[in-house]
Amino acid sequence: MYILGIHTGHDAGACLFADDMLLAFCKEERLNRVKNDGGFFDLQSVDEVLQIAGIQRSQVDAVAFTRMKFPVSCFRIGAVPFQDLRRKLLGQRRDRSLASLMIRRGSLDASVFLDLPKLCRYMGLRPDVSLHFCNHHRAHVLSSLRYCDWTDDVLLVSCDGGGDAAHYSACLYADRQLHEIWGGEETLLGHPQNGGASIGLAYAFATAACGFRPNRHEGKLTGLAAFGQPRVAAQIVALFPVDENGHIHNELADSKALQRTLAEFFQGLSREDIAASIQIATEQVVVGWLQALLKKHPARYVAMSGGVFSNVRLNQLVAALPGIDEVFVFPAMGDEGLPVGACVDYWIASQGMARLTRDRLPHLYFGRPYTGEDLLSAGERLHFRVERSAAYVERTAQLLAGKHIGAIFYGAMEMGPRALGARSILASPARREVNDSVNKRLQRTEFMPFAPYVLDVDAEQLYEVDERNRYACRFMTITTRVKADWLTRIPAVVHVDGTARPQIVERASNPLYYDILDAFKRLTGLPTLVNTSFNVHEEPIINTPEEALQALADDRVDFLVCDGGMVFPAGAQAGAPAGVQDGD
């Protein structure tokens, strides 16, 4: 059974499952090159995931949607407001949110609003295709449930800026069943959660107050926080009381009232102090929420999803909670991961929870699988200097040790917001100045150090990794303390608070990535390398060989390495970046 998953909100994208096994994933921004793009129905990523799997739309058996925007032309007469009805009758193109209509009418039946046969025709699907519409937070929760293999005592939580009239949800997996605690369909049926009590929206408002773009630059505040003082953290925390049932309510009227209140708190503060205040407050509110949930619903494992859990410092604190044996953060924790959870929801609805496979993610390489030859051939066609040599791994290690900046282009792009060795920029961690030099070349202004990657056999030597956080560290979703012996030896990957955000790599998932670090380790004695995403500021991570080569031409990096060889700028000496001689 082929199940197509689609989300068309911000961070839109699609995925494809064969039964309950993920085959392909693509975020819309990777194709149209518009960061965080979404809000429209006709996605290029739908055909991309089908092409990756080698099937046609006619072979799709089911489509799992979020309650997102659909074409007005596919809504029933009388289901949409007058202005949309006029557009429908005139054949004008516009998309309309299904969730907003469900909230207005208090109905969860999509067929009340949508002409489902017409929607199938619009999409080029068979008329017998099953159409499934998944709750926003349930999709978040199920994405993390699918990829943790704990059999009992599992608390699953999601937290974000909002979806389907909720900002928080919590479930307990026990006795092979998923038990809803808070944040289910009742939010659409007349009991919406108050936006004024959303810590996710509070973080977004703080992001804007610091002069950054909400829903995109929250990570900047996470790094900036270490440079400020949490001067109004206590006042922010007081806005989000957690009751004994693990619910968060307050007396603010709505999200606008929250924004006004925070603006008063932030008056006269530096952006560093704003960042520190909202970071500490978010940590205390979310940890307090989890503690209340765990007191009432004891569990040894915690699975997290939703945009708030992109906060790697927060996730470190969750892993440190007493009595917790292990944590997992679904790597595509934001809305881009919703298509995955929607497909899982359809599988459970049609086959039952007992038939859901629950295992661990071996990797995140679910994009179009380019080969090294694709890059090398494109490099030759575009007149770059291409070097096909059996020694490309060792040569890469030598260049990195010699203070050069390279990028790896390997196989399929990663699912989620992190570059994890398929589209990563690599550098030596030995000099703190590399942060400034690389950021300048990428036109970035960042406050976090670059993240490191480390071989599985070395992780515990450098970082405070144990059974609680090791799985999460495979996908760079959590920070850890750096061991004291390494703080001064790898300064490029150590934040001012003594933490790092490591990625643990196993050779089976990416041999090239692994072997480059292994060679660098033998050459320098340093068992870790810088990994930062292969993209210029405000652009999505690169996807295609041509995009990688354009970055090389624009002097973003000194060289590219792929499976089978290396690429250097046109005019570079054989085996060296432009202007660099062997031995320099």
Protein backbone atom coordinates (compact mmCIF):
# COMPACT_ATOMS: atom_id res chain seq x y z
CA MET A 1 0.00 0.00 0.00
CA TYR A 2 1.38 3.39 -1.05
CA ILE A 3 0.41 6.21 1.32
CA LEU A 4 1.14 9.80 0.26
CA GLY A 5 1.46 12.36 3.06
CA ILE A 6 0.92 16.08 2.40
CA HIS A 7 1.08 19.26 4.47
CA THR A 8 0.58 22.63 2.75
CA GLY A 9 1.01 25.09 5.61
CA HIS A 10 4.29 26.84 6.35
CA ASP A 11 7.22 24.42 5.94
CA ALA A 12 5.10 22.52 3.42
CA GLY A 13 6.15 19.19 2.02
CA ALA A 14 5.29 15.61 1.18
CA CYS A 15 6.37 12.08 1.96
CA LEU A 16 5.60 8.60 0.68
CA PHE A 17 5.17 5.40 2.66
CA ALA A 18 4.94 1.79 1.51
CA ASP A 19 2.68 0.41 4.23
CA ASP A 20 4.27 1.85 7.39
CA MET A 21 7.79 2.23 5.96
CA LEU A 22 8.99 5.67 4.87
CA LEU A 23 10.35 5.68 1.30
CA ALA A 24 10.78 9.35 0.41
CA PHE A 25 10.49 12.80 1.92
CA CYS A 26 10.82 16.30 0.46
CA LYS A 27 10.28 19.72 1.92
CA GLU A 28 8.89 22.18 -0.61
CA GLU A 29 11.61 24.77 0.02
CA ARG A 30 14.30 22.39 -1.27
CA LEU A 31 12.71 22.52 -4.72
CA ASN A 32 11.47 26.10 -5.09
CA ARG A 33 14.33 27.57 -3.00
CA VAL A 34 12.00 29.74 -0.87
CA LYS A 35 12.80 29.30 2.83
CA ASN A 36 9.94 27.85 4.92
CA ASP A 37 7.59 28.12 1.95
CA GLY A 38 3.99 26.93 2.11
CA GLY A 39 0.41 28.09 2.33
CA PHE A 40 -0.66 26.73 -1.09
CA PHE A 41 -1.99 23.38 -2.29
CA ASP A 42 -0.14 22.57 -5.50
CA LEU A 43 3.22 21.32 -4.22
CA GLN A 44 6.17 20.28 -6.37
CA SER A 45 7.25 18.01 -3.52
CA VAL A 46 4.31 15.66 -4.16
CA ASP A 47 5.63 14.62 -7.56
CA GLU A 48 9.18 14.64 -6.22
CA VAL A 49 8.51 11.95 -3.62
CA LEU A 50 6.60 9.88 -6.16
CA GLN A 51 9.49 10.11 -8.61
CA ILE A 52 11.98 9.14 -5.89
CA ALA A 53 9.95 5.97 -5.31
CA GLY A 54 9.41 5.40 -9.04
CA ILE A 55 5.61 5.44 -9.03
CA GLN A 56 2.81 7.47 -10.61
CA ARG A 57 -0.12 9.23 -8.97
CA SER A 58 -2.35 6.46 -10.27
CA GLN A 59 -0.49 4.00 -8.04
CA VAL A 60 -1.19 5.88 -4.80
CA ASP A 61 -3.62 3.97 -2.56
CA ALA A 62 -4.21 6.57 0.15
CA VAL A 63 -3.48 10.22 0.82
CA ALA A 64 -3.04 11.47 4.37
CA PHE A 65 -3.49 15.24 4.73
CA THR A 66 -3.29 17.65 7.58
CA ARG A 67 -6.37 19.88 7.86
CA MET A 68 -4.62 22.41 5.73
CA LYS A 69 -5.52 24.56 2.76
CA PHE A 70 -7.34 23.00 -0.18
CA PRO A 71 -8.41 24.55 -3.50
CA VAL A 72 -11.67 26.47 -3.18
CA SER A 73 -12.85 24.65 -6.31
CA CYS A 74 -12.84 21.37 -4.33
CA PHE A 75 -15.13 22.63 -1.56
CA ARG A 76 -18.85 21.93 -1.60
CA ILE A 77 -21.32 24.68 -2.43
CA GLY A 78 -22.43 26.18 0.87
CA ALA A 79 -19.36 24.99 2.74
CA VAL A 80 -17.27 28.10 2.12
CA PRO A 81 -17.90 31.78 2.87
CA PHE A 82 -19.58 33.94 0.21
CA GLN A 83 -16.36 35.46 -1.12
CA ASP A 84 -14.87 32.00 -1.62
CA LEU A 85 -18.10 30.73 -3.18
CA ARG A 86 -17.91 33.52 -5.76
CA ARG A 87 -14.36 32.50 -6.59
CA LYS A 88 -15.45 28.87 -6.84
CA LEU A 89 -18.26 29.68 -9.25
CA LEU A 90 -16.00 31.89 -11.35
CA GLY A 91 -13.28 29.25 -11.42
CA GLN A 92 -10.75 31.50 -9.69
CA ARG A 93 -7.79 29.86 -7.96
CA ARG A 94 -7.59 30.21 -4.20
CA ASP A 95 -6.93 27.87 -1.32
CA ARG A 96 -9.02 27.68 1.84
CA SER A 97 -8.19 26.22 5.27
CA LEU A 98 -10.18 23.10 6.13
CA ALA A 99 -9.37 23.44 9.84
CA SER A 100 -10.89 26.93 10.06
CA LEU A 101 -14.17 25.65 8.62
CA MET A 102 -14.19 22.65 10.97
CA ILE A 103 -13.70 24.97 13.93
CA ARG A 104 -16.50 27.25 12.73
CA ARG A 105 -18.96 24.39 12.20
CA GLY A 106 -17.78 22.10 15.01
CA SER A 107 -17.47 19.14 12.64
CA LEU A 108 -14.55 16.79 12.00
CA ASP A 109 -16.09 15.24 8.88
CA ALA A 110 -14.06 16.50 5.91
CA SER A 111 -16.74 15.29 3.47
CA VAL A 112 -19.12 17.92 4.88
CA PHE A 113 -16.84 20.58 3.44
CA LEU A 114 -14.89 18.97 0.61
CA ASP A 115 -16.12 17.30 -2.57
CA LEU A 116 -13.81 14.30 -2.15
CA PRO A 117 -14.30 12.79 -5.63
CA LYS A 118 -13.53 16.18 -7.15
CA LEU A 119 -10.43 16.48 -4.98
CA CYS A 120 -9.24 13.10 -6.28
CA ARG A 121 -9.77 14.23 -9.88
CA TYR A 122 -8.02 17.53 -9.18
CA MET A 123 -4.99 15.63 -7.89
CA GLY A 124 -4.97 13.04 -10.68
CA LEU A 125 -5.69 10.17 -8.30
CA ARG A 126 -7.78 7.05 -8.76
CA PRO A 127 -11.42 7.49 -7.68
CA ASP A 128 -11.08 4.70 -5.10
CA VAL A 129 -8.17 6.31 -3.27
CA SER A 130 -8.69 6.67 0.48
CA LEU A 131 -8.46 10.24 1.75
CA HIS A 132 -7.54 10.78 5.39
CA PHE A 133 -7.42 14.06 7.35
CA CYS A 134 -5.20 14.11 10.43
CA ASN A 135 -5.22 16.32 13.49
CA HIS A 136 -2.17 18.60 13.61
CA HIS A 137 -0.85 17.58 17.03
CA ARG A 138 -1.74 13.93 16.55
CA ALA A 139 0.46 13.97 13.45
CA HIS A 140 3.30 15.42 15.53
CA VAL A 141 2.87 12.80 18.25
CA LEU A 142 2.60 9.85 15.86
CA SER A 143 5.73 10.86 13.98
CA SER A 144 7.72 10.40 17.17
CA LEU A 145 5.81 7.28 18.25
CA ARG A 146 6.65 5.54 14.96
CA TYR A 147 10.40 5.95 15.43
CA CYS A 148 10.88 5.07 19.07
CA ASP A 149 10.88 1.39 19.97
CA TRP A 150 9.99 1.65 23.66
CA THR A 151 7.23 -0.83 24.44
CA ASP A 152 5.65 0.81 27.46
CA ASP A 153 5.74 3.80 29.84
CA VAL A 154 6.16 6.37 27.05
CA LEU A 155 5.09 10.00 27.41
CA LEU A 156 4.64 11.66 24.02
CA VAL A 157 4.33 15.45 23.90
CA SER A 158 4.10 18.10 21.24
CA CYS A 159 4.33 21.83 21.62
CA ASP A 160 4.35 24.54 18.97
CA GLY A 161 2.91 27.87 17.91
CA GLY A 162 -0.44 26.23 17.21
CA GLY A 163 -2.38 23.89 14.98
CA ASP A 164 -6.02 22.73 14.97
CA ALA A 165 -6.72 25.17 17.83
CA ALA A 166 -4.10 23.65 20.14
CA HIS A 167 -0.60 24.58 21.26
CA TYR A 168 0.14 21.61 23.50
CA SER A 169 -0.68 17.93 23.38
CA ALA A 170 0.27 14.93 25.49
CA CYS A 171 -0.34 11.20 25.17
CA LEU A 172 0.73 8.12 27.10
CA TYR A 173 1.67 4.92 25.29
CA ALA A 174 1.01 2.00 27.60
CA ASP A 175 -0.45 -1.48 27.23
CA ARG A 176 0.17 -1.21 23.45
CA GLN A 177 -2.32 1.63 23.21
CA LEU A 178 -2.06 5.39 22.80
CA HIS A 179 -3.97 7.16 25.57
CA GLU A 180 -4.77 10.82 25.00
CA ILE A 181 -4.08 13.11 27.97
CA TRP A 182 -4.60 16.60 26.56
CA GLY A 183 -4.78 18.42 23.27
CA GLY A 184 -6.93 16.15 21.11
CA GLU A 185 -9.93 16.75 18.89
CA GLU A 186 -11.79 18.61 21.63
CA THR A 187 -9.84 21.70 20.58
CA LEU A 188 -11.67 21.70 17.24
CA LEU A 189 -15.02 20.85 18.78
CA GLY A 190 -15.53 23.95 20.86
CA HIS A 191 -12.71 23.88 23.39
CA PRO A 192 -9.74 25.62 21.74
CA GLN A 193 -6.62 26.17 23.79
CA ASN A 194 -5.90 29.82 24.57
CA GLY A 195 -3.24 31.37 22.33
CA GLY A 196 -2.45 33.66 25.24
CA ALA A 197 -1.07 30.61 27.07
CA SER A 198 1.20 29.42 24.24
CA ILE A 199 4.89 29.36 25.13
CA GLY A 200 5.60 28.61 21.47
CA LEU A 201 3.98 31.88 20.42
CA ALA A 202 5.77 33.68 23.25
CA TYR A 203 9.12 32.52 21.83
CA ALA A 204 8.06 33.71 18.38
CA PHE A 205 7.09 37.13 19.77
CA ALA A 206 10.46 37.37 21.51
CA THR A 207 12.16 36.49 18.23
CA ALA A 208 10.40 39.43 16.58
CA ALA A 209 11.25 41.70 19.52
CA CYS A 210 14.93 40.93 18.91
CA GLY A 211 14.61 42.03 15.30
CA PHE A 212 14.50 38.56 13.77
CA ARG A 213 11.86 36.77 11.76
CA PRO A 214 9.41 34.64 13.77
CA ASN A 215 8.94 31.04 12.74
CA ARG A 216 12.40 31.07 11.21
CA HIS A 217 15.04 32.58 13.47
CA GLU A 218 14.12 31.18 16.88
CA GLY A 219 17.39 29.23 16.86
CA LYS A 220 19.30 32.49 16.89
CA LEU A 221 17.76 33.32 20.25
CA THR A 222 18.74 29.93 21.62
CA GLY A 223 22.37 30.77 20.91
CA LEU A 224 22.11 34.45 21.83
CA ALA A 225 20.65 33.61 25.24
CA ALA A 226 24.02 32.61 26.67
CA PHE A 227 25.24 36.19 26.18
CA GLY A 228 22.46 37.85 28.19
CA GLN A 229 20.78 37.91 31.57
CA PRO A 230 17.26 36.48 32.13
CA ARG A 231 16.01 39.72 33.63
CA VAL A 232 12.29 39.12 33.05
CA ALA A 233 12.25 35.31 32.94
CA ALA A 234 10.34 35.06 36.22
CA GLN A 235 7.62 37.42 34.95
CA ILE A 236 7.27 35.36 31.77
CA VAL A 237 7.06 32.09 33.67
CA ALA A 238 4.28 33.53 35.81
CA LEU A 239 2.18 33.94 32.65
CA PHE A 240 2.10 30.17 32.12
CA PRO A 241 0.85 28.41 35.26
CA VAL A 242 0.76 24.61 35.01
CA ASP A 243 -2.01 22.86 36.90
CA GLU A 244 -1.86 19.42 38.52
CA ASN A 245 -3.33 17.79 35.39
CA GLY A 246 -0.52 19.11 33.22
CA HIS A 247 -2.64 21.81 31.57
CA ILE A 248 -1.42 25.35 30.93
CA HIS A 249 -3.97 28.15 31.18
CA ASN A 250 -3.89 31.86 32.00
CA GLU A 251 -6.15 34.88 32.11
CA LEU A 252 -4.84 36.58 28.99
CA ALA A 253 -7.55 37.04 26.40
CA ASP A 254 -5.63 35.76 23.39
CA SER A 255 -2.26 35.75 21.59
CA LYS A 256 -2.49 39.49 20.93
CA ALA A 257 -2.75 40.12 24.66
CA LEU A 258 0.27 37.87 25.18
CA GLN A 259 2.25 39.82 22.61
CA ARG A 260 1.36 43.15 24.24
CA THR A 261 2.30 41.86 27.70
CA LEU A 262 5.65 40.57 26.50
CA ALA A 263 6.36 43.85 24.71
CA GLU A 264 5.94 45.62 28.06
CA PHE A 265 8.32 43.15 29.72
CA PHE A 266 10.93 43.61 26.99
CA GLN A 267 10.82 47.40 27.05
CA GLY A 268 14.37 48.75 27.33
CA LEU A 269 16.08 45.32 27.33
CA SER A 270 18.93 44.39 25.05
CA ARG A 271 18.25 41.59 22.61
CA GLU A 272 20.68 39.42 24.56
CA ASP A 273 18.59 39.86 27.71
CA ILE A 274 15.36 39.25 25.80
CA ALA A 275 16.83 36.04 24.41
CA ALA A 276 18.06 34.91 27.83
CA SER A 277 14.69 35.72 29.41
CA ILE A 278 12.55 33.82 26.91
CA GLN A 279 14.98 30.90 26.79
CA ILE A 280 15.06 30.40 30.55
CA ALA A 281 11.32 30.94 30.78
CA THR A 282 10.63 28.39 28.05
CA GLU A 283 12.86 25.86 29.76
CA GLN A 284 11.11 26.35 33.09
CA VAL A 285 7.58 26.31 31.65
CA VAL A 286 8.07 23.23 29.48
CA VAL A 287 10.05 21.30 32.08
CA GLY A 288 7.41 22.20 34.67
CA TRP A 289 4.71 21.01 32.27
CA LEU A 290 6.49 17.69 31.75
CA GLN A 291 7.05 17.24 35.48
CA ALA A 292 3.33 17.72 36.13
CA LEU A 293 2.47 15.22 33.40
CA LEU A 294 5.00 12.68 34.66
CA LYS A 295 3.73 13.00 38.23
CA LYS A 296 0.22 12.13 37.11
CA HIS A 297 1.24 9.72 34.33
CA PRO A 298 4.56 8.13 35.30
CA ALA A 299 6.79 7.20 32.37
CA ARG A 300 10.43 6.32 31.83
CA TYR A 301 10.66 7.55 28.26
CA VAL A 302 9.80 10.89 26.65
CA ALA A 303 9.24 11.46 22.91
CA MET A 304 9.01 15.06 21.71
CA SER A 305 7.77 16.79 18.57
CA GLY A 306 6.53 20.20 17.50
CA GLY A 307 8.53 23.32 16.79
CA VAL A 308 9.25 24.19 20.43
CA PHE A 309 11.34 21.02 20.66
CA SER A 310 13.71 22.31 18.01
CA ASN A 311 15.16 24.05 21.06
CA VAL A 312 18.21 21.88 21.70
CA ARG A 313 19.01 23.36 25.11
CA LEU A 314 15.49 22.64 26.33
CA ASN A 315 15.81 19.05 25.13
CA GLN A 316 19.00 18.63 27.15
CA LEU A 317 17.08 19.54 30.31
CA VAL A 318 14.30 17.08 29.50
CA ALA A 319 16.86 14.29 29.16
CA ALA A 320 18.19 15.17 32.61
CA LEU A 321 14.83 14.79 34.38
CA PRO A 322 14.96 12.27 37.25
CA GLY A 323 13.62 8.85 36.36
CA ILE A 324 13.92 9.31 32.59
CA ASP A 325 15.77 6.46 30.87
CA GLU A 326 15.84 7.90 27.35
CA VAL A 327 14.45 10.73 25.21
CA PHE A 328 13.78 11.05 21.50
CA VAL A 329 13.02 14.12 19.41
CA PHE A 330 11.52 13.44 16.00
CA PRO A 331 14.18 15.01 13.72
CA ALA A 332 11.65 16.82 11.51
CA MET A 333 10.05 18.19 14.65
CA GLY A 334 8.46 21.25 13.01
CA ASP A 335 5.51 21.30 10.63
CA GLU A 336 7.57 19.81 7.82
CA GLY A 337 7.30 16.52 9.72
CA LEU A 338 3.49 16.52 9.74
CA PRO A 339 3.13 14.46 6.51
CA VAL A 340 5.01 11.63 8.22
CA GLY A 341 2.69 11.60 11.22
CA ALA A 342 -0.38 11.87 8.98
CA CYS A 343 0.68 8.72 7.10
CA VAL A 344 1.22 6.90 10.38
CA ASP A 345 -2.23 8.01 11.51
CA TYR A 346 -3.81 6.60 8.36
CA TRP A 347 -1.98 3.29 8.82
CA ILE A 348 -3.23 2.99 12.40
CA ALA A 349 -6.78 3.96 11.39
CA SER A 350 -6.88 1.38 8.61
CA GLN A 351 -4.76 -1.44 10.07
CA GLY A 352 -4.80 -0.95 13.84
CA MET A 353 -2.11 0.05 16.32
CA ALA A 354 -0.95 -3.55 16.67
CA ARG A 355 0.23 -3.60 13.05
CA LEU A 356 2.34 -0.43 13.35
CA THR A 357 6.06 -1.11 13.07
CA ARG A 358 7.96 0.79 15.73
CA ASP A 359 11.70 0.88 15.19
CA ARG A 360 14.50 3.42 15.23
CA LEU A 361 15.49 5.66 12.37
CA PRO A 362 18.71 4.36 10.80
CA HIS A 363 19.26 7.65 8.93
CA LEU A 364 17.40 10.65 7.50
CA TYR A 365 18.46 10.38 3.85
CA PHE A 366 15.04 10.27 2.18
CA GLY A 367 15.45 12.81 -0.64
CA ARG A 368 16.37 12.21 -4.28
CA PRO A 369 19.44 9.93 -4.25
CA TYR A 370 22.11 11.68 -6.30
CA THR A 371 25.39 9.88 -6.92
CA GLY A 372 28.94 11.12 -6.76
CA GLU A 373 29.10 10.72 -10.52
CA ASP A 374 26.16 13.12 -10.86
CA LEU A 375 28.25 15.81 -9.16
CA LEU A 376 31.50 15.01 -10.97
CA SER A 377 29.85 14.92 -14.41
CA ALA A 378 28.03 18.19 -13.74
CA GLY A 379 31.33 19.71 -12.61
CA GLU A 380 33.04 18.71 -15.86
CA ARG A 381 30.13 19.97 -17.94
CA LEU A 382 30.27 23.34 -16.18
CA HIS A 383 34.09 23.56 -16.46
CA PHE A 384 35.07 23.08 -12.84
CA ARG A 385 38.26 21.21 -12.05
CA VAL A 386 37.25 17.63 -11.31
CA GLU A 387 39.56 15.15 -9.67
CA ARG A 388 38.73 11.47 -9.82
CA SER A 389 41.15 9.79 -7.45
CA ALA A 390 41.14 6.86 -5.06
CA ALA A 391 42.69 9.13 -2.43
CA TYR A 392 39.83 11.62 -2.16
CA VAL A 393 39.06 10.76 1.48
CA GLU A 394 42.65 11.27 2.61
CA ARG A 395 42.98 14.40 0.48
CA THR A 396 39.85 15.85 2.05
CA ALA A 397 41.23 15.20 5.54
CA GLN A 398 44.50 16.90 4.59
CA LEU A 399 42.73 20.00 3.27
CA LEU A 400 40.53 20.25 6.35
CA ALA A 401 43.57 19.91 8.59
CA GLY A 402 45.18 22.65 6.50
CA LYS A 403 42.43 25.11 7.46
CA HIS A 404 40.42 24.80 4.24
CA ILE A 405 36.63 24.66 4.13
CA GLY A 406 34.96 21.87 2.21
CA ALA A 407 31.47 20.55 1.61
CA ILE A 408 30.25 17.00 1.30
CA PHE A 409 27.68 16.03 -1.31
CA TYR A 410 26.52 12.49 -0.64
CA GLY A 411 23.41 10.64 -1.77
CA ALA A 412 19.95 11.83 -0.79
CA MET A 413 19.31 15.04 1.13
CA GLU A 414 18.30 14.86 4.76
CA MET A 415 14.77 14.97 6.18
CA GLY A 416 14.39 17.79 8.67
CA PRO A 417 16.12 21.13 9.31
CA ARG A 418 19.63 19.79 10.09
CA ALA A 419 22.44 19.01 7.67
CA LEU A 420 23.64 15.57 8.70
CA GLY A 421 26.36 14.63 6.28
CA ALA A 422 24.53 14.57 2.97
CA ARG A 423 24.70 18.34 2.39
CA SER A 424 27.17 19.58 5.04
CA ILE A 425 30.03 22.07 5.16
CA LEU A 426 33.07 20.63 6.93
CA ALA A 427 35.93 22.34 8.74
CA SER A 428 38.47 21.73 11.46
CA PRO A 429 37.20 22.44 15.00
CA ALA A 430 40.66 23.52 16.21
CA ARG A 431 40.22 27.28 15.68
CA ARG A 432 37.38 29.40 17.03
CA GLU A 433 37.96 31.87 14.19
CA VAL A 434 36.57 29.39 11.67
CA ASN A 435 33.08 30.40 12.83
CA ASP A 436 33.62 33.97 11.71
CA SER A 437 35.33 33.10 8.43
CA VAL A 438 32.70 30.56 7.36
CA ASN A 439 29.81 32.77 8.45
CA LYS A 440 31.25 35.62 6.43
CA ARG A 441 31.46 33.44 3.34
CA LEU A 442 27.89 32.24 3.90
CA GLN A 443 26.61 35.75 4.74
CA ARG A 444 25.40 34.53 8.12
CA THR A 445 25.28 36.24 11.49
CA GLU A 446 25.09 33.44 14.03
CA PHE A 447 25.41 33.21 17.81
CA MET A 448 25.71 29.47 18.13
CA PRO A 449 29.02 27.76 17.42
CA PHE A 450 29.04 25.26 14.63
CA ALA A 451 27.82 21.81 15.50
CA PRO A 452 30.30 18.93 15.56
CA TYR A 453 29.98 15.43 14.29
CA VAL A 454 31.73 12.53 15.94
CA LEU A 455 32.23 8.84 15.23
CA ASP A 456 30.10 6.44 17.25
CA VAL A 457 33.23 4.95 18.85
CA ASP A 458 34.39 8.36 20.11
CA ALA A 459 31.20 10.10 21.24
CA GLU A 460 31.49 9.45 24.97
CA GLN A 461 35.14 10.48 24.97
CA LEU A 462 34.36 14.07 23.93
CA TYR A 463 30.77 14.71 24.94
CA GLU A 464 28.48 13.83 27.84
CA VAL A 465 26.64 11.18 25.90
CA ASP A 466 24.84 8.29 27.56
CA GLU A 467 21.84 6.06 26.99
CA ARG A 468 19.44 8.91 27.74
CA ASN A 469 20.53 11.13 24.85
CA ARG A 470 22.53 8.97 22.42
CA TYR A 471 19.65 8.30 20.02
CA ALA A 472 18.73 11.99 19.96
CA CYS A 473 22.38 12.86 19.29
CA ARG A 474 22.30 10.89 16.06
CA PHE A 475 20.15 13.65 14.58
CA MET A 476 21.61 16.74 16.27
CA THR A 477 18.43 17.49 18.22
CA ILE A 478 19.98 17.97 21.68
CA THR A 479 22.93 19.69 23.32
CA THR A 480 25.35 18.04 25.73
CA ARG A 481 28.18 19.19 27.92
CA VAL A 482 31.64 19.00 26.36
CA LYS A 483 34.15 17.02 28.42
CA ALA A 484 36.64 19.27 30.21
CA ASP A 485 39.67 17.78 28.47
CA TRP A 486 38.33 18.88 25.08
CA LEU A 487 37.00 22.37 25.74
CA THR A 488 40.13 24.14 24.51
CA ARG A 489 41.04 21.61 21.83
CA ILE A 490 37.86 21.97 19.74
CA PRO A 491 36.77 25.58 20.40
CA ALA A 492 34.91 26.00 17.09
CA VAL A 493 32.16 23.64 18.28
CA VAL A 494 31.90 24.69 21.95
CA HIS A 495 29.36 27.32 22.97
CA VAL A 496 30.13 29.87 25.68
CA ASP A 497 28.08 27.78 28.11
CA GLY A 498 30.33 24.74 27.57
CA THR A 499 27.85 22.77 25.48
CA ALA A 500 27.83 21.42 21.96
CA ARG A 501 25.19 19.93 19.67
CA PRO A 502 26.89 16.76 18.45
CA GLN A 503 25.88 14.37 15.72
CA ILE A 504 26.90 10.76 16.32
CA VAL A 505 27.66 8.95 13.07
CA GLU A 506 27.69 5.25 12.30
CA ARG A 507 29.54 4.12 9.20
CA ALA A 508 26.64 2.08 7.85
CA SER A 509 24.50 5.19 7.34
CA ASN A 510 27.09 7.33 5.51
CA PRO A 511 30.49 5.70 4.78
CA LEU A 512 31.99 8.79 3.11
CA TYR A 513 31.11 11.10 5.99
CA TYR A 514 32.44 8.58 8.49
CA ASP A 515 35.67 7.86 6.61
CA ILE A 516 36.55 11.55 6.19
CA LEU A 517 36.41 12.06 9.96
CA ASP A 518 38.28 8.83 10.60
CA ALA A 519 41.08 10.02 8.28
CA PHE A 520 41.07 13.49 9.89
CA LYS A 521 41.32 11.88 13.33
CA ARG A 522 44.33 9.78 12.29
CA LEU A 523 46.00 12.84 10.78
CA THR A 524 45.37 15.37 13.58
CA GLY A 525 44.38 13.44 16.69
CA LEU A 526 41.07 15.34 16.77
CA PRO A 527 38.09 12.94 16.65
CA THR A 528 35.47 15.52 15.66
CA LEU A 529 34.80 17.90 12.77
CA VAL A 530 32.66 20.97 12.22
CA ASN A 531 29.38 20.27 10.42
CA THR A 532 27.25 23.23 9.36
CA SER A 533 24.47 23.25 6.83
CA PHE A 534 25.41 23.75 3.18
CA ASN A 535 23.46 26.92 2.44
CA VAL A 536 23.82 30.68 2.29
CA HIS A 537 21.96 32.78 4.87
CA GLU A 538 18.19 32.81 4.28
CA GLU A 539 18.36 30.11 1.62
CA PRO A 540 17.33 26.46 2.04
CA ILE A 541 20.02 23.79 2.26
CA ILE A 542 21.23 22.90 -1.22
CA ASN A 543 19.75 19.87 -2.93
CA THR A 544 21.12 19.31 -6.44
CA PRO A 545 24.65 18.98 -7.88
CA GLU A 546 24.16 22.26 -9.72
CA GLU A 547 23.35 24.10 -6.50
CA ALA A 548 26.45 22.66 -4.84
CA LEU A 549 28.60 23.76 -7.78
CA GLN A 550 27.11 27.26 -7.71
CA ALA A 551 28.11 27.55 -4.05
CA LEU A 552 31.64 26.52 -5.00
CA ALA A 553 31.71 29.09 -7.80
CA ASP A 554 30.50 31.76 -5.34
CA ASP A 555 33.43 30.96 -2.99
CA ARG A 556 31.22 29.65 -0.21
CA VAL A 557 33.59 26.69 0.15
CA ASP A 558 37.05 25.75 -1.16
CA PHE A 559 36.13 22.34 -2.53
CA LEU A 560 33.45 19.69 -2.80
CA VAL A 561 33.88 16.02 -2.00
CA CYS A 562 31.59 13.21 -3.10
CA ASP A 563 31.68 9.46 -3.42
CA GLY A 564 34.34 9.00 -6.10
CA GLY A 565 36.19 12.29 -6.22
CA MET A 566 36.48 16.00 -5.57
CA VAL A 567 35.59 19.25 -7.36
CA PHE A 568 37.58 22.48 -7.19
CA PRO A 569 36.99 25.92 -8.67
CA ALA A 570 37.90 26.41 -12.30
CA GLY A 571 41.61 27.19 -12.62
CA ALA A 572 42.58 25.55 -9.34
CA GLN A 573 45.75 23.48 -9.28
CA ALA A 574 45.11 19.74 -9.35
CA GLY A 575 44.19 18.54 -5.87
CA ALA A 576 44.00 22.01 -4.31
CA PRO A 577 41.55 24.89 -3.95
CA ALA A 578 42.08 27.98 -6.05
CA GLY A 579 45.28 29.79 -5.10
CA VAL A 580 46.41 27.02 -2.74
CA GLN A 581 49.53 24.97 -3.48
CA ASP A 582 50.25 21.55 -2.08
CA GLY A 583 51.92 21.93 1.30
CA ASP A 584 50.57 25.45 1.97
